[in-house]
């Protein structure tokens, strides 16, 4: 979710992460509409996105992208400087959690 599509910095980082995830073989949707964040979160939940990455100006200023496992509701932060590794580790943990709940 790109929380600030009017910001060049936020948009560039959201698009970079989108391309990276596609390159990793992840099915990904990029919400870069000019809507309020609440609308974007609601729509992502309605679509059933199992994992969410949130790119916003405040997070980027802190060097992070927010992440959420929608099934458990658990939220976290991923370091922007090493986003590919951080995402891979986080997503693997999320998937393990899903598998454990199904067992």
PDB file of N, CA and C in Angstrom:
ATOM      1  N   UNK A   1       0.843  -1.166   0.000  1.00  0.00           N
ATOM      2  CA  UNK A   1       0.000   0.000   0.000  1.00  0.00           C
ATOM      3  C   UNK A   1       0.893   1.236   0.000  1.00  0.00           C
ATOM      4  N   UNK A   2       0.733   2.058  -0.998  1.00  0.00           N
ATOM      5  CA  UNK A   2       1.419   3.341  -1.065  1.00  0.00           C
ATOM      6  C   UNK A   2       0.506   4.344  -0.369  1.00  0.00           C
ATOM      7  N   UNK A   3       0.887   4.786   0.826  1.00  0.00           N
ATOM      8  CA  UNK A   3       0.026   5.681   1.592  1.00  0.00           C
ATOM      9  C   UNK A   3       0.060   7.120   1.116  1.00  0.00           C
ATOM     10  N   UNK A   4       1.054   7.478   0.316  1.00  0.00           N
ATOM     11  CA  UNK A   4       1.161   8.862  -0.148  1.00  0.00           C
ATOM     12  C   UNK A   4       1.598   8.914  -1.613  1.00  0.00           C
ATOM     13  N   UNK A   5       0.668   8.609  -2.541  1.00  0.00           N
ATOM     14  CA  UNK A   5       1.038   8.581  -3.956  1.00  0.00           C
ATOM     15  C   UNK A   5       1.466   9.933  -4.512  1.00  0.00           C
ATOM     16  N   UNK A   6       1.242  11.008  -3.785  1.00  0.00           N
ATOM     17  CA  UNK A   6       1.675  12.337  -4.245  1.00  0.00           C
ATOM     18  C   UNK A   6       3.142  12.597  -3.928  1.00  0.00           C
ATOM     19  N   UNK A   7       3.713  11.777  -3.051  1.00  0.00           N
ATOM     20  CA  UNK A   7       5.123  11.921  -2.688  1.00  0.00           C
ATOM     21  C   UNK A   7       5.982  11.117  -3.660  1.00  0.00           C
ATOM     22  N   UNK A   8       6.914  11.795  -4.297  1.00  0.00           N
ATOM     23  CA  UNK A   8       7.815  11.104  -5.231  1.00  0.00           C
ATOM     24  C   UNK A   8       8.637  10.040  -4.520  1.00  0.00           C
ATOM     25  N   UNK A   9       9.091  10.342  -3.306  1.00  0.00           N
ATOM     26  CA  UNK A   9       9.919   9.394  -2.551  1.00  0.00           C
ATOM     27  C   UNK A   9       9.126   8.132  -2.194  1.00  0.00           C
ATOM     28  N   UNK A  10       7.923   8.315  -1.682  1.00  0.00           N
ATOM     29  CA  UNK A  10       7.095   7.171  -1.294  1.00  0.00           C
ATOM     30  C   UNK A  10       6.724   6.354  -2.523  1.00  0.00           C
ATOM     31  N   UNK A  11       6.335   7.024  -3.586  1.00  0.00           N
ATOM     32  CA  UNK A  11       5.945   6.320  -4.811  1.00  0.00           C
ATOM     33  C   UNK A  11       7.117   5.535  -5.393  1.00  0.00           C
ATOM     34  N   UNK A  12       8.293   6.146  -5.426  1.00  0.00           N
ATOM     35  CA  UNK A  12       9.474   5.454  -5.966  1.00  0.00           C
ATOM     36  C   UNK A  12       9.792   4.207  -5.144  1.00  0.00           C
ATOM     37  N   UNK A  13       9.722   4.318  -3.808  1.00  0.00           N
ATOM     38  CA  UNK A  13      10.040   3.165  -2.960  1.00  0.00           C
ATOM     39  C   UNK A  13       8.971   2.083  -3.102  1.00  0.00           C
ATOM     40  N   UNK A  14       7.704   2.478  -3.169  1.00  0.00           N
ATOM     41  CA  UNK A  14       6.622   1.500  -3.342  1.00  0.00           C
ATOM     42  C   UNK A  14       6.780   0.757  -4.664  1.00  0.00           C
ATOM     43  N   UNK A  15       7.108   1.482  -5.729  1.00  0.00           N
ATOM     44  CA  UNK A  15       7.301   0.845  -7.033  1.00  0.00           C
ATOM     45  C   UNK A  15       8.534  -0.050  -7.038  1.00  0.00           C
ATOM     46  N   UNK A  16       9.585   0.366  -6.347  1.00  0.00           N
ATOM     47  CA  UNK A  16      10.794  -0.458  -6.246  1.00  0.00           C
ATOM     48  C   UNK A  16      10.485  -1.772  -5.526  1.00  0.00           C
ATOM     49  N   UNK A  17       9.753  -1.697  -4.435  1.00  0.00           N
ATOM     50  CA  UNK A  17       9.391  -2.897  -3.677  1.00  0.00           C
ATOM     51  C   UNK A  17       8.463  -3.780  -4.502  1.00  0.00           C
ATOM     52  N   UNK A  18       7.531  -3.184  -5.200  1.00  0.00           N
ATOM     53  CA  UNK A  18       6.616  -3.918  -6.086  1.00  0.00           C
ATOM     54  C   UNK A  18       7.408  -4.721  -7.121  1.00  0.00           C
ATOM     55  N   UNK A  19       8.352  -4.064  -7.789  1.00  0.00           N
ATOM     56  CA  UNK A  19       9.175  -4.739  -8.807  1.00  0.00           C
ATOM     57  C   UNK A  19      10.031  -5.836  -8.178  1.00  0.00           C
ATOM     58  N   UNK A  20      10.587  -5.567  -6.996  1.00  0.00           N
ATOM     59  CA  UNK A  20      11.409  -6.564  -6.307  1.00  0.00           C
ATOM     60  C   UNK A  20      10.592  -7.812  -5.998  1.00  0.00           C
ATOM     61  N   UNK A  21       9.385  -7.616  -5.456  1.00  0.00           N
ATOM     62  CA  UNK A  21       8.535  -8.753  -5.113  1.00  0.00           C
ATOM     63  C   UNK A  21       8.146  -9.552  -6.344  1.00  0.00           C
ATOM     64  N   UNK A  22       7.811  -8.857  -7.421  1.00  0.00           N
ATOM     65  CA  UNK A  22       7.505  -9.567  -8.665  1.00  0.00           C
ATOM     66  C   UNK A  22       8.702 -10.382  -9.122  1.00  0.00           C
ATOM     67  N   UNK A  23       9.903  -9.811  -9.024  1.00  0.00           N
ATOM     68  CA  UNK A  23      11.124 -10.517  -9.399  1.00  0.00           C
ATOM     69  C   UNK A  23      11.385 -11.745  -8.542  1.00  0.00           C
ATOM     70  N   UNK A  24      10.842 -11.737  -7.319  1.00  0.00           N
ATOM     71  CA  UNK A  24      10.978 -12.884  -6.410  1.00  0.00           C
ATOM     72  C   UNK A  24       9.877 -13.917  -6.652  1.00  0.00           C
ATOM     73  N   UNK A  25       8.980 -13.640  -7.598  1.00  0.00           N
ATOM     74  CA  UNK A  25       7.905 -14.574  -7.904  1.00  0.00           C
ATOM     75  C   UNK A  25       6.692 -14.441  -6.997  1.00  0.00           C
ATOM     76  N   UNK A  26       6.585 -13.326  -6.280  1.00  0.00           N
ATOM     77  CA  UNK A  26       5.466 -13.098  -5.381  1.00  0.00           C
ATOM     78  C   UNK A  26       4.319 -12.458  -6.163  1.00  0.00           C
ATOM     79  N   UNK A  27       3.098 -12.974  -5.991  1.00  0.00           N
ATOM     80  CA  UNK A  27       1.918 -12.323  -6.556  1.00  0.00           C
ATOM     81  C   UNK A  27       1.655 -11.083  -5.721  1.00  0.00           C
ATOM     82  N   UNK A  28       1.662  -9.931  -6.368  1.00  0.00           N
ATOM     83  CA  UNK A  28       1.580  -8.679  -5.619  1.00  0.00           C
ATOM     84  C   UNK A  28       0.675  -7.682  -6.330  1.00  0.00           C
ATOM     85  N   UNK A  29      -0.055  -6.934  -5.518  1.00  0.00           N
ATOM     86  CA  UNK A  29      -0.872  -5.822  -6.002  1.00  0.00           C
ATOM     87  C   UNK A  29      -0.313  -4.550  -5.384  1.00  0.00           C
ATOM     88  N   UNK A  30      -0.250  -3.484  -6.172  1.00  0.00           N
ATOM     89  CA  UNK A  30       0.208  -2.192  -5.667  1.00  0.00           C
ATOM     90  C   UNK A  30      -0.978  -1.243  -5.666  1.00  0.00           C
ATOM     91  N   UNK A  31      -1.349  -0.775  -4.499  1.00  0.00           N
ATOM     92  CA  UNK A  31      -2.433   0.202  -4.390  1.00  0.00           C
ATOM     93  C   UNK A  31      -1.806   1.582  -4.321  1.00  0.00           C
ATOM     94  N   UNK A  32      -1.813   2.253  -5.472  1.00  0.00           N
ATOM     95  CA  UNK A  32      -1.246   3.601  -5.533  1.00  0.00           C
ATOM     96  C   UNK A  32      -2.322   4.640  -5.864  1.00  0.00           C
ATOM     97  N   UNK A  33      -3.564   4.273  -5.560  1.00  0.00           N
ATOM     98  CA  UNK A  33      -4.663   5.204  -5.796  1.00  0.00           C
ATOM     99  C   UNK A  33      -4.557   6.390  -4.853  1.00  0.00           C
ATOM    100  N   UNK A  34      -5.112   7.495  -5.278  1.00  0.00           N
ATOM    101  CA  UNK A  34      -5.153   8.682  -4.428  1.00  0.00           C
ATOM    102  C   UNK A  34      -6.399   8.607  -3.560  1.00  0.00           C
ATOM    103  N   UNK A  35      -6.343   7.708  -2.585  1.00  0.00           N
ATOM    104  CA  UNK A  35      -7.421   7.504  -1.612  1.00  0.00           C
ATOM    105  C   UNK A  35      -6.828   7.647  -0.222  1.00  0.00           C
ATOM    106  N   UNK A  36      -7.692   7.846   0.738  1.00  0.00           N
ATOM    107  CA  UNK A  36      -7.263   7.904   2.138  1.00  0.00           C
ATOM    108  C   UNK A  36      -6.723   6.527   2.546  1.00  0.00           C
ATOM    109  N   UNK A  37      -5.768   6.509   3.486  1.00  0.00           N
ATOM    110  CA  UNK A  37      -5.226   5.223   3.929  1.00  0.00           C
ATOM    111  C   UNK A  37      -6.303   4.252   4.413  1.00  0.00           C
ATOM    112  N   UNK A  38      -7.308   4.735   5.126  1.00  0.00           N
ATOM    113  CA  UNK A  38      -8.361   3.848   5.622  1.00  0.00           C
ATOM    114  C   UNK A  38      -9.076   3.110   4.520  1.00  0.00           C
ATOM    115  N   UNK A  39      -9.309   3.781   3.412  1.00  0.00           N
ATOM    116  CA  UNK A  39      -9.953   3.154   2.253  1.00  0.00           C
ATOM    117  C   UNK A  39      -9.055   2.046   1.707  1.00  0.00           C
ATOM    118  N   UNK A  40      -7.764   2.319   1.635  1.00  0.00           N
ATOM    119  CA  UNK A  40      -6.820   1.333   1.105  1.00  0.00           C
ATOM    120  C   UNK A  40      -6.728   0.104   2.013  1.00  0.00           C
ATOM    121  N   UNK A  41      -6.687   0.327   3.335  1.00  0.00           N
ATOM    122  CA  UNK A  41      -6.634  -0.801   4.267  1.00  0.00           C
ATOM    123  C   UNK A  41      -7.910  -1.632   4.162  1.00  0.00           C
ATOM    124  N   UNK A  42      -9.041  -0.980   4.107  1.00  0.00           N
ATOM    125  CA  UNK A  42     -10.323  -1.682   4.005  1.00  0.00           C
ATOM    126  C   UNK A  42     -10.382  -2.499   2.719  1.00  0.00           C
ATOM    127  N   UNK A  43      -9.994  -1.900   1.611  1.00  0.00           N
ATOM    128  CA  UNK A  43     -10.023  -2.611   0.333  1.00  0.00           C
ATOM    129  C   UNK A  43      -9.061  -3.801   0.323  1.00  0.00           C
ATOM    130  N   UNK A  44      -7.887  -3.631   0.914  1.00  0.00           N
ATOM    131  CA  UNK A  44      -6.926  -4.743   0.979  1.00  0.00           C
ATOM    132  C   UNK A  44      -7.521  -5.896   1.783  1.00  0.00           C
ATOM    133  N   UNK A  45      -8.210  -5.574   2.871  1.00  0.00           N
ATOM    134  CA  UNK A  45      -8.859  -6.619   3.670  1.00  0.00           C
ATOM    135  C   UNK A  45      -9.976  -7.294   2.876  1.00  0.00           C
ATOM    136  N   UNK A  46     -10.760  -6.509   2.148  1.00  0.00           N
ATOM    137  CA  UNK A  46     -11.851  -7.084   1.352  1.00  0.00           C
ATOM    138  C   UNK A  46     -11.332  -7.981   0.236  1.00  0.00           C
ATOM    139  N   UNK A  47     -10.186  -7.622  -0.336  1.00  0.00           N
ATOM    140  CA  UNK A  47      -9.586  -8.445  -1.385  1.00  0.00           C
ATOM    141  C   UNK A  47      -8.986  -9.732  -0.824  1.00  0.00           C
ATOM    142  N   UNK A  48      -8.744  -9.743   0.470  1.00  0.00           N
ATOM    143  CA  UNK A  48      -8.191 -10.938   1.104  1.00  0.00           C
ATOM    144  C   UNK A  48      -6.685 -11.043   1.005  1.00  0.00           C
ATOM    145  N   UNK A  49      -6.009  -9.926   0.841  1.00  0.00           N
ATOM    146  CA  UNK A  49      -4.548  -9.947   0.784  1.00  0.00           C
ATOM    147  C   UNK A  49      -4.006 -10.545   2.078  1.00  0.00           C
ATOM    148  N   UNK A  50      -3.292 -11.656   2.003  1.00  0.00           N
ATOM    149  CA  UNK A  50      -2.823 -12.308   3.233  1.00  0.00           C
ATOM    150  C   UNK A  50      -1.692 -11.563   3.929  1.00  0.00           C
ATOM    151  N   UNK A  51      -0.890 -10.837   3.160  1.00  0.00           N
ATOM    152  CA  UNK A  51       0.209 -10.061   3.725  1.00  0.00           C
ATOM    153  C   UNK A  51       0.128  -8.655   3.155  1.00  0.00           C
ATOM    154  N   UNK A  52       0.444  -7.678   3.996  1.00  0.00           N
ATOM    155  CA  UNK A  52       0.424  -6.296   3.550  1.00  0.00           C
ATOM    156  C   UNK A  52       1.754  -5.629   3.870  1.00  0.00           C
ATOM    157  N   UNK A  53       2.233  -4.858   2.918  1.00  0.00           N
ATOM    158  CA  UNK A  53       3.371  -3.982   3.149  1.00  0.00           C
ATOM    159  C   UNK A  53       2.860  -2.563   2.982  1.00  0.00           C
ATOM    160  N   UNK A  54       3.220  -1.703   3.912  1.00  0.00           N
ATOM    161  CA  UNK A  54       2.732  -0.329   3.924  1.00  0.00           C
ATOM    162  C   UNK A  54       3.920   0.607   3.788  1.00  0.00           C
ATOM    163  N   UNK A  55       3.905   1.390   2.705  1.00  0.00           N
ATOM    164  CA  UNK A  55       4.981   2.343   2.441  1.00  0.00           C
ATOM    165  C   UNK A  55       4.414   3.743   2.648  1.00  0.00           C
ATOM    166  N   UNK A  56       4.973   4.452   3.615  1.00  0.00           N
ATOM    167  CA  UNK A  56       4.528   5.808   3.913  1.00  0.00           C
ATOM    168  C   UNK A  56       5.701   6.702   4.231  1.00  0.00           C
ATOM    169  N   UNK A  57       5.477   7.981   4.188  1.00  0.00           N
ATOM    170  CA  UNK A  57       6.541   8.948   4.434  1.00  0.00           C
ATOM    171  C   UNK A  57       7.143   8.850   5.819  1.00  0.00           C
ATOM    172  N   UNK A  58       6.314   8.673   6.844  1.00  0.00           N
ATOM    173  CA  UNK A  58       6.824   8.586   8.215  1.00  0.00           C
ATOM    174  C   UNK A  58       7.694   7.344   8.405  1.00  0.00           C
ATOM    175  N   UNK A  59       7.251   6.227   7.840  1.00  0.00           N
ATOM    176  CA  UNK A  59       8.033   5.002   7.945  1.00  0.00           C
ATOM    177  C   UNK A  59       9.362   5.121   7.209  1.00  0.00           C
ATOM    178  N   UNK A  60       9.313   5.672   6.001  1.00  0.00           N
ATOM    179  CA  UNK A  60      10.558   5.821   5.240  1.00  0.00           C
ATOM    180  C   UNK A  60      11.537   6.738   5.964  1.00  0.00           C
ATOM    181  N   UNK A  61      11.027   7.770   6.628  1.00  0.00           N
ATOM    182  CA  UNK A  61      11.898   8.661   7.391  1.00  0.00           C
ATOM    183  C   UNK A  61      12.602   7.895   8.511  1.00  0.00           C
ATOM    184  N   UNK A  62      11.964   6.846   9.012  1.00  0.00           N
ATOM    185  CA  UNK A  62      12.564   5.991  10.050  1.00  0.00           C
ATOM    186  C   UNK A  62      13.329   4.810   9.449  1.00  0.00           C
ATOM    187  N   UNK A  63      13.306   4.670   8.112  1.00  0.00           N
ATOM    188  CA  UNK A  63      14.022   3.584   7.447  1.00  0.00           C
ATOM    189  C   UNK A  63      13.293   2.261   7.477  1.00  0.00           C
ATOM    190  N   UNK A  64      11.937   2.313   7.585  1.00  0.00           N
ATOM    191  CA  UNK A  64      11.179   1.061   7.667  1.00  0.00           C
ATOM    192  C   UNK A  64       9.971   1.071   6.729  1.00  0.00           C
ATOM    193  N   UNK A  65       9.518  -0.140   6.445  1.00  0.00           N
ATOM    194  CA  UNK A  65       8.240  -0.387   5.782  1.00  0.00           C
ATOM    195  C   UNK A  65       7.447  -1.237   6.768  1.00  0.00           C
ATOM    196  N   UNK A  66       6.207  -0.885   6.981  1.00  0.00           N
ATOM    197  CA  UNK A  66       5.377  -1.648   7.901  1.00  0.00           C
ATOM    198  C   UNK A  66       4.866  -2.908   7.208  1.00  0.00           C
ATOM    199  N   UNK A  67       4.677  -3.970   7.970  1.00  0.00           N
ATOM    200  CA  UNK A  67       4.168  -5.218   7.420  1.00  0.00           C
ATOM    201  C   UNK A  67       3.090  -5.763   8.345  1.00  0.00           C
ATOM    202  N   UNK A  68       2.160  -6.500   7.744  1.00  0.00           N
ATOM    203  CA  UNK A  68       1.066  -7.070   8.533  1.00  0.00           C
ATOM    204  C   UNK A  68       0.686  -8.438   7.982  1.00  0.00           C
ATOM    205  N   UNK A  69       0.613  -9.410   8.877  1.00  0.00           N
ATOM    206  CA  UNK A  69       0.067 -10.732   8.575  1.00  0.00           C
ATOM    207  C   UNK A  69      -1.426 -10.613   8.855  1.00  0.00           C
ATOM    208  N   UNK A  70      -2.222 -10.579   7.823  1.00  0.00           N
ATOM    209  CA  UNK A  70      -3.643 -10.329   7.992  1.00  0.00           C
ATOM    210  C   UNK A  70      -4.355 -11.444   8.741  1.00  0.00           C
ATOM    211  N   UNK A  71      -3.883 -12.664   8.594  1.00  0.00           N
ATOM    212  CA  UNK A  71      -4.554 -13.788   9.260  1.00  0.00           C
ATOM    213  C   UNK A  71      -4.408 -13.728  10.777  1.00  0.00           C
ATOM    214  N   UNK A  72      -3.238 -13.350  11.255  1.00  0.00           N
ATOM    215  CA  UNK A  72      -3.024 -13.285  12.699  1.00  0.00           C
ATOM    216  C   UNK A  72      -3.218 -11.868  13.240  1.00  0.00           C
ATOM    217  N   UNK A  73      -3.141 -10.881  12.354  1.00  0.00           N
ATOM    218  CA  UNK A  73      -3.230  -9.491  12.772  1.00  0.00           C
ATOM    219  C   UNK A  73      -1.908  -8.929  13.262  1.00  0.00           C
ATOM    220  N   UNK A  74      -0.868  -9.781  13.284  1.00  0.00           N
ATOM    221  CA  UNK A  74       0.445  -9.359  13.771  1.00  0.00           C
ATOM    222  C   UNK A  74       1.065  -8.344  12.812  1.00  0.00           C
ATOM    223  N   UNK A  75       1.584  -7.255  13.403  1.00  0.00           N
ATOM    224  CA  UNK A  75       2.233  -6.203  12.623  1.00  0.00           C
ATOM    225  C   UNK A  75       3.709  -6.160  12.966  1.00  0.00           C
ATOM    226  N   UNK A  76       4.486  -5.659  12.032  1.00  0.00           N
ATOM    227  CA  UNK A  76       5.913  -5.531  12.256  1.00  0.00           C
ATOM    228  C   UNK A  76       6.505  -4.460  11.370  1.00  0.00           C
ATOM    229  N   UNK A  77       7.814  -4.402  11.378  1.00  0.00           N
ATOM    230  CA  UNK A  77       8.546  -3.433  10.570  1.00  0.00           C
ATOM    231  C   UNK A  77       9.693  -4.133   9.872  1.00  0.00           C
ATOM    232  N   UNK A  78       9.913  -3.751   8.612  1.00  0.00           N
ATOM    233  CA  UNK A  78      11.011  -4.297   7.823  1.00  0.00           C
ATOM    234  C   UNK A  78      11.971  -3.165   7.478  1.00  0.00           C
ATOM    235  N   UNK A  79      13.263  -3.425   7.594  1.00  0.00           N
ATOM    236  CA  UNK A  79      14.268  -2.413   7.275  1.00  0.00           C
ATOM    237  C   UNK A  79      14.310  -2.176   5.772  1.00  0.00           C
ATOM    238  N   UNK A  80      14.182  -0.921   5.370  1.00  0.00           N
ATOM    239  CA  UNK A  80      14.197  -0.561   3.958  1.00  0.00           C
ATOM    240  C   UNK A  80      15.549  -0.868   3.329  1.00  0.00           C
ATOM    241  N   UNK A  81      16.623  -0.681   4.080  1.00  0.00           N
ATOM    242  CA  UNK A  81      17.971  -0.845   3.526  1.00  0.00           C
ATOM    243  C   UNK A  81      18.243  -2.266   3.056  1.00  0.00           C
ATOM    244  N   UNK A  82      17.544  -3.233   3.600  1.00  0.00           N
ATOM    245  CA  UNK A  82      17.741  -4.635   3.220  1.00  0.00           C
ATOM    246  C   UNK A  82      16.373  -5.302   3.051  1.00  0.00           C
ATOM    247  N   UNK A  83      15.512  -4.649   2.287  1.00  0.00           N
ATOM    248  CA  UNK A  83      14.110  -5.060   2.212  1.00  0.00           C
ATOM    249  C   UNK A  83      13.932  -6.460   1.632  1.00  0.00           C
ATOM    250  N   UNK A  84      14.729  -6.856   0.669  1.00  0.00           N
ATOM    251  CA  UNK A  84      14.562  -8.187   0.070  1.00  0.00           C
ATOM    252  C   UNK A  84      14.794  -9.281   1.113  1.00  0.00           C
ATOM    253  N   UNK A  85      15.878  -9.192   1.859  1.00  0.00           N
ATOM    254  CA  UNK A  85      16.173 -10.182   2.884  1.00  0.00           C
ATOM    255  C   UNK A  85      15.147 -10.111   4.009  1.00  0.00           C
ATOM    256  N   UNK A  86      14.829  -8.894   4.438  1.00  0.00           N
ATOM    257  CA  UNK A  86      13.879  -8.723   5.538  1.00  0.00           C
ATOM    258  C   UNK A  86      12.505  -9.277   5.162  1.00  0.00           C
ATOM    259  N   UNK A  87      12.065  -9.016   3.931  1.00  0.00           N
ATOM    260  CA  UNK A  87      10.767  -9.533   3.502  1.00  0.00           C
ATOM    261  C   UNK A  87      10.798 -11.059   3.442  1.00  0.00           C
ATOM    262  N   UNK A  88      11.845 -11.616   2.871  1.00  0.00           N
ATOM    263  CA  UNK A  88      11.938 -13.073   2.745  1.00  0.00           C
ATOM    264  C   UNK A  88      11.855 -13.755   4.104  1.00  0.00           C
ATOM    265  N   UNK A  89      12.576 -13.235   5.083  1.00  0.00           N
ATOM    266  CA  UNK A  89      12.550 -13.815   6.423  1.00  0.00           C
ATOM    267  C   UNK A  89      11.177 -13.662   7.061  1.00  0.00           C
ATOM    268  N   UNK A  90      10.598 -12.477   6.953  1.00  0.00           N
ATOM    269  CA  UNK A  90       9.285 -12.233   7.542  1.00  0.00           C
ATOM    270  C   UNK A  90       8.226 -13.123   6.895  1.00  0.00           C
ATOM    271  N   UNK A  91       8.212 -13.176   5.553  1.00  0.00           N
ATOM    272  CA  UNK A  91       7.206 -13.972   4.836  1.00  0.00           C
ATOM    273  C   UNK A  91       7.341 -15.453   5.177  1.00  0.00           C
ATOM    274  N   UNK A  92       8.565 -15.945   5.321  1.00  0.00           N
ATOM    275  CA  UNK A  92       8.762 -17.348   5.683  1.00  0.00           C
ATOM    276  C   UNK A  92       8.167 -17.620   7.066  1.00  0.00           C
ATOM    277  N   UNK A  93       8.346 -16.699   7.988  1.00  0.00           N
ATOM    278  CA  UNK A  93       7.770 -16.857   9.315  1.00  0.00           C
ATOM    279  C   UNK A  93       6.253 -16.820   9.294  1.00  0.00           C
ATOM    280  N   UNK A  94       5.702 -15.948   8.472  1.00  0.00           N
ATOM    281  CA  UNK A  94       4.249 -15.866   8.325  1.00  0.00           C
ATOM    282  C   UNK A  94       3.709 -17.185   7.775  1.00  0.00           C
ATOM    283  N   UNK A  95       4.359 -17.704   6.758  1.00  0.00           N
ATOM    284  CA  UNK A  95       3.905 -18.973   6.160  1.00  0.00           C
ATOM    285  C   UNK A  95       3.991 -20.132   7.156  1.00  0.00           C
ATOM    286  N   UNK A  96       5.073 -20.155   7.950  1.00  0.00           N
ATOM    287  CA  UNK A  96       5.184 -21.197   8.985  1.00  0.00           C
ATOM    288  C   UNK A  96       4.031 -21.090   9.972  1.00  0.00           C
ATOM    289  N   UNK A  97       3.663 -19.886  10.324  1.00  0.00           N
ATOM    290  CA  UNK A  97       2.543 -19.679  11.238  1.00  0.00           C
ATOM    291  C   UNK A  97       1.236 -20.180  10.653  1.00  0.00           C
ATOM    292  N   UNK A  98       1.032 -19.934   9.353  1.00  0.00           N
ATOM    293  CA  UNK A  98      -0.179 -20.416   8.698  1.00  0.00           C
ATOM    294  C   UNK A  98      -0.216 -21.942   8.733  1.00  0.00           C
ATOM    295  N   UNK A  99       0.937 -22.569   8.408  1.00  0.00           N
ATOM    296  CA  UNK A  99       1.002 -24.031   8.375  1.00  0.00           C
ATOM    297  C   UNK A  99       0.761 -24.621   9.761  1.00  0.00           C
ATOM    298  N   UNK A 100       1.294 -23.986  10.792  1.00  0.00           N
ATOM    299  CA  UNK A 100       1.116 -24.484  12.155  1.00  0.00           C
ATOM    300  C   UNK A 100      -0.347 -24.407  12.572  1.00  0.00           C
ATOM    301  N   UNK A 101      -1.054 -23.349  12.145  1.00  0.00           N
ATOM    302  CA  UNK A 101      -2.468 -23.215  12.496  1.00  0.00           C
ATOM    303  C   UNK A 101      -3.332 -24.249  11.767  1.00  0.00           C
ATOM    304  N   UNK A 102      -2.879 -24.695  10.585  1.00  0.00           N
ATOM    305  CA  UNK A 102      -3.654 -25.655   9.804  1.00  0.00           C
ATOM    306  C   UNK A 102      -3.420 -27.092  10.265  1.00  0.00           C
ATOM    307  N   UNK A 103      -2.314 -27.323  10.964  1.00  0.00           N
ATOM    308  CA  UNK A 103      -1.951 -28.684  11.389  1.00  0.00           C
ATOM    309  C   UNK A 103      -2.815 -29.161  12.527  1.00  0.00           C
TER     310      UNK A 103
END
